Structure formats: C-alpha cells, structure tokens
Amino acid sequence: MKTKHDLSPEAPPDSRDTPVESDQGQISQNIEAVLDFYSREYQKISSSQRILERISRFLGQPVFLGIILCFVTFWILANVALRQFGMAEFDPEPYFWLQGIVGLGALLTATVVLSRQNRLTKLEEQRAHLDLKVMLLTEQKTAKLINLLEELRRDLPNVRNRHDPEAAELQQSMNPELVLDALNERSERTKN
C-alpha cells in the first residue's frame, strides 16, 4: 500500500485531500481579508481617538468602579474625620465639591464612551453594508445555479422535462430596491 510520500510527483493528488486544502486556502484568505479590513480601519483612527479609546477601555473596567467608590468614601471619611478633630472641613455636607467632581467625571466619561461608540457604529454600518452586498451576491449566484440546474435538467435525455414553478421563481434574481421598498412600506404600516 502506497502512502502519500511514496507517490511520484507526476501522480495525481488524492481527491479527498484537495477539497480540504482548498477549504483551508479559502478560510485563510477570508481570515486575511477580515484582518486586513480591521487593520485598515485601525490605521484610520486618529491619535486623539486612540487615546480616548484607551481611556474608554479603562473606564469600562470593574477596577474603575472601585476607584470611584474608594475616592468618594475617602472624601466623605476625610471630611468626617476633620469634623471629629475640630478642624474645618474642606467640603462640608452636602459635599458640593464632591458632587461637582463626580458630575464632571460623569460628563467626561459619557463623552469618551460616546466618542468610541460613534466610531464603532460607523464600523458596524460598514459591516452591515458588506453583509448586504455579500448576501445579494450569494442570492445572484444561487439564482444562476438554479438556472443552470434547470437547464441541465431540460437537456438531459433521461430526465423527464416538467415545469417547476418554484424553480422558475427562484431563477430570478431579487431586486434589492424592491426589497427595500417592501421593508420600508412594512415598517411604515407598523408605525401607524
């Protein structure tokens, strides 16, 4: 019994290995395309946006919540301790300075997070457009395959020629504008 290593270079490749290698090639190619897309998008980010996104990632960590709680607790305890020792508090109750600092922090946090979300929303819109294009292309290819199969079925002498209305309908490529109009019409009806 011959193994792969025993085959001469002129021998045809094992047909069972070819689809797997082809699939691996396509998978690698698709992964590379996706990684290239993300790399290009990352290169488009300005340095200020990158700084904001690093800050946003830090703000989203549980440790940031701990820092806020520790800060507020320390602020209040420091004021209480100063009062207990008969010294002037730097921010007496109801802690107007603390409220201002927390309010400013909340405003800055919201701005940083919204900035990152806006960029991610644009990226998601690009992906949605790409998905739509791929789906339309897939639909066109499927319609073409059905058309070719129906043509082959009609041309084969040993297959009985019959009319298949479902196949005839699926042979037609979908018109994206008609689909969008139908979706818009349906959403308008649900709003009313």
C-alpha atoms as a PDB file:
ATOM      1  CA  MET A   1       0.000   0.000   0.000  1.00  0.00           C
ATOM      2  CA  LYS A   2       1.395   3.377  -1.008  1.00  0.00           C
ATOM      3  CA  THR A   3       1.417   6.361   1.256  1.00  0.00           C
ATOM      4  CA  LYS A   4       1.403   9.978   0.178  1.00  0.00           C
ATOM      5  CA  HIS A   5       5.160  10.087   0.498  1.00  0.00           C
ATOM      6  CA  ASP A   6       5.545   7.103  -1.866  1.00  0.00           C
ATOM      7  CA  LEU A   7       3.650   8.806  -4.704  1.00  0.00           C
ATOM      8  CA  SER A   8       5.719  10.190  -7.514  1.00  0.00           C
ATOM      9  CA  PRO A   9       5.405  13.915  -8.337  1.00  0.00           C
ATOM     10  CA  GLU A  10       3.545  13.023 -11.515  1.00  0.00           C
ATOM     11  CA  ALA A  11       0.847  11.127  -9.646  1.00  0.00           C
ATOM     12  CA  PRO A  12      -2.478  12.949  -9.328  1.00  0.00           C
ATOM     13  CA  PRO A  13      -3.226  14.302  -5.865  1.00  0.00           C
ATOM     14  CA  ASP A  14      -5.598  12.406  -3.633  1.00  0.00           C
ATOM     15  CA  SER A  15      -9.033  13.801  -4.451  1.00  0.00           C
ATOM     16  CA  ARG A  16     -10.054  13.582  -0.812  1.00  0.00           C
ATOM     17  CA  ASP A  17      -7.267  15.989   0.188  1.00  0.00           C
ATOM     18  CA  THR A  18      -7.921  18.618  -2.466  1.00  0.00           C
ATOM     19  CA  PRO A  19     -11.235  19.983  -1.086  1.00  0.00           C
ATOM     20  CA  VAL A  20      -9.786  20.210   2.421  1.00  0.00           C
ATOM     21  CA  GLU A  21      -6.734  22.065   1.152  1.00  0.00           C
ATOM     22  CA  SER A  22      -8.992  24.282  -0.948  1.00  0.00           C
ATOM     23  CA  ASP A  23     -11.233  24.944   2.063  1.00  0.00           C
ATOM     24  CA  GLN A  24      -8.186  25.763   4.187  1.00  0.00           C
ATOM     25  CA  GLY A  25      -6.988  28.151   1.489  1.00  0.00           C
ATOM     26  CA  GLN A  26     -10.362  29.875   1.310  1.00  0.00           C
ATOM     27  CA  ILE A  27     -10.597  30.059   5.098  1.00  0.00           C
ATOM     28  CA  SER A  28      -7.110  31.572   5.298  1.00  0.00           C
ATOM     29  CA  GLN A  29      -7.934  34.006   2.515  1.00  0.00           C
ATOM     30  CA  ASN A  30     -11.173  35.077   4.225  1.00  0.00           C
ATOM     31  CA  ILE A  31      -9.439  35.482   7.586  1.00  0.00           C
ATOM     32  CA  GLU A  32      -6.723  37.571   5.937  1.00  0.00           C
ATOM     33  CA  ALA A  33      -9.358  39.765   4.263  1.00  0.00           C
ATOM     34  CA  VAL A  34     -11.125  40.361   7.580  1.00  0.00           C
ATOM     35  CA  LEU A  35      -7.856  41.086   9.384  1.00  0.00           C
ATOM     36  CA  ASP A  36      -6.818  43.475   6.598  1.00  0.00           C
ATOM     37  CA  PHE A  37     -10.172  45.259   6.928  1.00  0.00           C
ATOM     38  CA  TYR A  38      -9.699  45.735  10.683  1.00  0.00           C
ATOM     39  CA  SER A  39      -6.077  46.783  10.180  1.00  0.00           C
ATOM     40  CA  ARG A  40      -7.082  49.450   7.638  1.00  0.00           C
ATOM     41  CA  GLU A  41      -9.832  50.692   9.923  1.00  0.00           C
ATOM     42  CA  TYR A  42      -7.431  50.852  12.875  1.00  0.00           C
ATOM     43  CA  GLN A  43      -4.942  52.867  10.812  1.00  0.00           C
ATOM     44  CA  LYS A  44      -7.686  55.406  10.036  1.00  0.00           C
ATOM     45  CA  ILE A  45      -8.123  56.169  13.757  1.00  0.00           C
ATOM     46  CA  SER A  46      -6.530  59.460  14.777  1.00  0.00           C
ATOM     47  CA  SER A  47      -4.110  59.557  17.692  1.00  0.00           C
ATOM     48  CA  SER A  48      -6.583  61.543  19.814  1.00  0.00           C
ATOM     49  CA  GLN A  49      -9.281  58.947  19.115  1.00  0.00           C
ATOM     50  CA  ARG A  50      -6.869  56.179  20.129  1.00  0.00           C
ATOM     51  CA  ILE A  51      -6.193  57.946  23.421  1.00  0.00           C
ATOM     52  CA  LEU A  52      -9.935  58.339  24.009  1.00  0.00           C
ATOM     53  CA  GLU A  53     -10.475  54.655  23.272  1.00  0.00           C
ATOM     54  CA  ARG A  54      -7.755  53.602  25.723  1.00  0.00           C
ATOM     55  CA  ILE A  55      -9.415  55.783  28.341  1.00  0.00           C
ATOM     56  CA  SER A  56     -12.795  54.290  27.420  1.00  0.00           C
ATOM     57  CA  ARG A  57     -11.467  50.751  27.833  1.00  0.00           C
ATOM     58  CA  PHE A  58     -10.102  51.692  31.263  1.00  0.00           C
ATOM     59  CA  LEU A  59     -13.394  53.313  32.259  1.00  0.00           C
ATOM     60  CA  GLY A  60     -15.194  50.088  31.353  1.00  0.00           C
ATOM     61  CA  GLN A  61     -13.129  48.002  33.776  1.00  0.00           C
ATOM     62  CA  PRO A  62     -14.517  46.996  37.183  1.00  0.00           C
ATOM     63  CA  VAL A  63     -11.397  48.499  38.791  1.00  0.00           C
ATOM     64  CA  PHE A  64     -12.585  51.960  37.706  1.00  0.00           C
ATOM     65  CA  LEU A  65     -15.797  51.500  39.684  1.00  0.00           C
ATOM     66  CA  GLY A  66     -13.667  50.519  42.664  1.00  0.00           C
ATOM     67  CA  ILE A  67     -11.546  53.662  42.257  1.00  0.00           C
ATOM     68  CA  ILE A  68     -14.655  55.853  42.182  1.00  0.00           C
ATOM     69  CA  LEU A  69     -16.100  54.195  45.278  1.00  0.00           C
ATOM     70  CA  CYS A  70     -12.782  54.481  47.131  1.00  0.00           C
ATOM     71  CA  PHE A  71     -12.445  58.149  46.159  1.00  0.00           C
ATOM     72  CA  VAL A  72     -15.968  59.039  47.321  1.00  0.00           C
ATOM     73  CA  THR A  73     -15.537  57.046  50.543  1.00  0.00           C
ATOM     74  CA  PHE A  74     -12.163  58.691  51.272  1.00  0.00           C
ATOM     75  CA  TRP A  75     -13.621  62.154  50.562  1.00  0.00           C
ATOM     76  CA  ILE A  76     -16.509  61.667  52.960  1.00  0.00           C
ATOM     77  CA  LEU A  77     -14.395  59.977  55.649  1.00  0.00           C
ATOM     78  CA  ALA A  78     -11.762  62.749  55.448  1.00  0.00           C
ATOM     79  CA  ASN A  79     -14.451  65.387  55.969  1.00  0.00           C
ATOM     80  CA  VAL A  80     -15.991  63.445  58.876  1.00  0.00           C
ATOM     81  CA  ALA A  81     -12.550  62.920  60.456  1.00  0.00           C
ATOM     82  CA  LEU A  82     -11.709  66.621  60.186  1.00  0.00           C
ATOM     83  CA  ARG A  83     -15.027  67.478  61.844  1.00  0.00           C
ATOM     84  CA  GLN A  84     -14.345  64.947  64.623  1.00  0.00           C
ATOM     85  CA  PHE A  85     -10.954  66.539  65.361  1.00  0.00           C
ATOM     86  CA  GLY A  86     -12.482  70.003  65.460  1.00  0.00           C
ATOM     87  CA  MET A  87     -10.857  71.139  62.231  1.00  0.00           C
ATOM     88  CA  ALA A  88     -12.540  72.899  59.325  1.00  0.00           C
ATOM     89  CA  GLU A  89     -13.907  70.523  56.698  1.00  0.00           C
ATOM     90  CA  PHE A  90     -12.680  71.159  53.143  1.00  0.00           C
ATOM     91  CA  ASP A  91     -16.131  70.173  51.766  1.00  0.00           C
ATOM     92  CA  PRO A  92     -18.885  70.235  54.399  1.00  0.00           C
ATOM     93  CA  GLU A  93     -22.129  68.342  53.931  1.00  0.00           C
ATOM     94  CA  PRO A  94     -23.866  68.022  51.447  1.00  0.00           C
ATOM     95  CA  TYR A  95     -20.450  67.831  49.744  1.00  0.00           C
ATOM     96  CA  PHE A  96     -20.940  70.332  46.924  1.00  0.00           C
ATOM     97  CA  TRP A  97     -17.338  69.947  45.729  1.00  0.00           C
ATOM     98  CA  LEU A  98     -17.679  66.169  45.635  1.00  0.00           C
ATOM     99  CA  GLN A  99     -20.927  66.470  43.666  1.00  0.00           C
ATOM    100  CA  GLY A 100     -19.208  68.800  41.199  1.00  0.00           C
ATOM    101  CA  ILE A 101     -16.245  66.466  40.749  1.00  0.00           C
ATOM    102  CA  VAL A 102     -18.491  63.442  40.302  1.00  0.00           C
ATOM    103  CA  GLY A 103     -20.713  65.366  37.850  1.00  0.00           C
ATOM    104  CA  LEU A 104     -17.713  66.497  35.815  1.00  0.00           C
ATOM    105  CA  GLY A 105     -16.354  62.943  35.848  1.00  0.00           C
ATOM    106  CA  ALA A 106     -19.705  61.617  34.620  1.00  0.00           C
ATOM    107  CA  LEU A 107     -19.789  64.195  31.813  1.00  0.00           C
ATOM    108  CA  LEU A 108     -16.262  63.341  30.694  1.00  0.00           C
ATOM    109  CA  THR A 109     -16.942  59.604  30.938  1.00  0.00           C
ATOM    110  CA  ALA A 110     -20.103  59.919  28.849  1.00  0.00           C
ATOM    111  CA  THR A 111     -18.244  61.963  26.217  1.00  0.00           C
ATOM    112  CA  VAL A 112     -15.390  59.455  25.984  1.00  0.00           C
ATOM    113  CA  VAL A 113     -17.768  56.492  25.744  1.00  0.00           C
ATOM    114  CA  LEU A 114     -19.971  58.191  23.129  1.00  0.00           C
ATOM    115  CA  SER A 115     -16.913  59.042  21.042  1.00  0.00           C
ATOM    116  CA  ARG A 116     -15.901  55.390  20.970  1.00  0.00           C
ATOM    117  CA  GLN A 117     -19.448  54.229  20.311  1.00  0.00           C
ATOM    118  CA  ASN A 118     -19.761  56.597  17.340  1.00  0.00           C
ATOM    119  CA  ARG A 119     -16.669  55.093  15.727  1.00  0.00           C
ATOM    120  CA  LEU A 120     -17.864  51.555  16.429  1.00  0.00           C
ATOM    121  CA  THR A 121     -21.291  52.418  14.989  1.00  0.00           C
ATOM    122  CA  LYS A 122     -19.672  53.576  11.745  1.00  0.00           C
ATOM    123  CA  LEU A 123     -17.659  50.359  11.638  1.00  0.00           C
ATOM    124  CA  GLU A 124     -20.834  48.327  12.225  1.00  0.00           C
ATOM    125  CA  GLU A 125     -22.585  50.188   9.393  1.00  0.00           C
ATOM    126  CA  GLN A 126     -19.724  49.275   7.064  1.00  0.00           C
ATOM    127  CA  ARG A 127     -20.020  45.630   8.098  1.00  0.00           C
ATOM    128  CA  ALA A 128     -23.779  45.716   7.562  1.00  0.00           C
ATOM    129  CA  HIS A 129     -23.285  47.127   4.037  1.00  0.00           C
ATOM    130  CA  LEU A 130     -20.689  44.456   3.322  1.00  0.00           C
ATOM    131  CA  ASP A 131     -23.046  41.755   4.634  1.00  0.00           C
ATOM    132  CA  LEU A 132     -25.807  43.073   2.389  1.00  0.00           C
ATOM    133  CA  LYS A 133     -23.519  43.060  -0.642  1.00  0.00           C
ATOM    134  CA  VAL A 134     -22.357  39.515   0.102  1.00  0.00           C
ATOM    135  CA  MET A 135     -25.935  38.337   0.618  1.00  0.00           C
ATOM    136  CA  LEU A 136     -27.054  39.901  -2.677  1.00  0.00           C
ATOM    137  CA  LEU A 137     -24.110  38.355  -4.491  1.00  0.00           C
ATOM    138  CA  THR A 138     -24.878  34.980  -2.906  1.00  0.00           C
ATOM    139  CA  GLU A 139     -28.516  35.307  -3.941  1.00  0.00           C
ATOM    140  CA  GLN A 140     -27.469  36.097  -7.512  1.00  0.00           C
ATOM    141  CA  LYS A 141     -25.125  33.122  -7.592  1.00  0.00           C
ATOM    142  CA  THR A 142     -27.830  30.857  -6.194  1.00  0.00           C
ATOM    143  CA  ALA A 143     -30.277  32.046  -8.844  1.00  0.00           C
ATOM    144  CA  LYS A 144     -27.646  31.350 -11.509  1.00  0.00           C
ATOM    145  CA  LEU A 145     -27.009  27.849 -10.120  1.00  0.00           C
ATOM    146  CA  ILE A 146     -30.722  27.076 -10.121  1.00  0.00           C
ATOM    147  CA  ASN A 147     -30.924  28.347 -13.678  1.00  0.00           C
ATOM    148  CA  LEU A 148     -28.013  26.112 -14.724  1.00  0.00           C
ATOM    149  CA  LEU A 149     -29.512  23.088 -12.957  1.00  0.00           C
ATOM    150  CA  GLU A 150     -32.865  23.659 -14.634  1.00  0.00           C
ATOM    151  CA  GLU A 151     -31.136  23.997 -17.993  1.00  0.00           C
ATOM    152  CA  LEU A 152     -29.188  20.798 -17.336  1.00  0.00           C
ATOM    153  CA  ARG A 153     -32.399  19.023 -16.301  1.00  0.00           C
ATOM    154  CA  ARG A 154     -34.078  20.089 -19.550  1.00  0.00           C
ATOM    155  CA  ASP A 155     -31.079  18.959 -21.627  1.00  0.00           C
ATOM    156  CA  LEU A 156     -30.660  15.520 -20.071  1.00  0.00           C
ATOM    157  CA  PRO A 157     -32.486  12.926 -22.184  1.00  0.00           C
ATOM    158  CA  ASN A 158     -33.134  10.522 -19.310  1.00  0.00           C
ATOM    159  CA  VAL A 159     -34.808  13.146 -17.100  1.00  0.00           C
ATOM    160  CA  ARG A 160     -38.468  13.870 -17.667  1.00  0.00           C
ATOM    161  CA  ASN A 161     -38.963  17.515 -18.599  1.00  0.00           C
ATOM    162  CA  ARG A 162     -41.513  19.148 -16.331  1.00  0.00           C
ATOM    163  CA  HIS A 163     -42.336  22.675 -15.300  1.00  0.00           C
ATOM    164  CA  ASP A 164     -41.273  23.542 -11.747  1.00  0.00           C
ATOM    165  CA  PRO A 165     -42.870  26.895 -10.814  1.00  0.00           C
ATOM    166  CA  GLU A 166     -40.824  27.179  -7.620  1.00  0.00           C
ATOM    167  CA  ALA A 167     -37.548  26.687  -9.503  1.00  0.00           C
ATOM    168  CA  ALA A 168     -38.711  29.158 -12.153  1.00  0.00           C
ATOM    169  CA  GLU A 169     -39.385  31.741  -9.437  1.00  0.00           C
ATOM    170  CA  LEU A 170     -36.045  31.121  -7.720  1.00  0.00           C
ATOM    171  CA  GLN A 171     -34.166  31.563 -11.015  1.00  0.00           C
ATOM    172  CA  GLN A 172     -34.995  35.264 -10.924  1.00  0.00           C
ATOM    173  CA  SER A 173     -32.504  37.408  -9.011  1.00  0.00           C
ATOM    174  CA  MET A 174     -34.029  39.543  -6.327  1.00  0.00           C
ATOM    175  CA  ASN A 175     -34.245  43.274  -6.968  1.00  0.00           C
ATOM    176  CA  PRO A 176     -32.706  44.975  -3.893  1.00  0.00           C
ATOM    177  CA  GLU A 177     -34.690  48.199  -4.443  1.00  0.00           C
ATOM    178  CA  LEU A 178     -37.982  46.286  -4.380  1.00  0.00           C
ATOM    179  CA  VAL A 179     -36.951  44.528  -1.156  1.00  0.00           C
ATOM    180  CA  LEU A 180     -36.017  47.846   0.483  1.00  0.00           C
ATOM    181  CA  ASP A 181     -39.284  49.426  -0.654  1.00  0.00           C
ATOM    182  CA  ALA A 182     -41.234  46.488   0.796  1.00  0.00           C
ATOM    183  CA  LEU A 183     -39.341  46.742   4.087  1.00  0.00           C
ATOM    184  CA  ASN A 184     -39.950  50.494   4.277  1.00  0.00           C
ATOM    185  CA  GLU A 185     -43.636  50.019   3.498  1.00  0.00           C
ATOM    186  CA  ARG A 186     -43.973  47.344   6.187  1.00  0.00           C
ATOM    187  CA  SER A 187     -42.177  49.477   8.789  1.00  0.00           C
ATOM    188  CA  GLU A 188     -44.440  52.432   7.956  1.00  0.00           C
ATOM    189  CA  ARG A 189     -47.507  50.234   8.473  1.00  0.00           C
ATOM    190  CA  THR A 190     -46.238  49.028  11.852  1.00  0.00           C
ATOM    191  CA  LYS A 191     -45.597  52.635  12.973  1.00  0.00           C
ATOM    192  CA  ASN A 192     -49.207  53.631  12.193  1.00  0.00           C
END
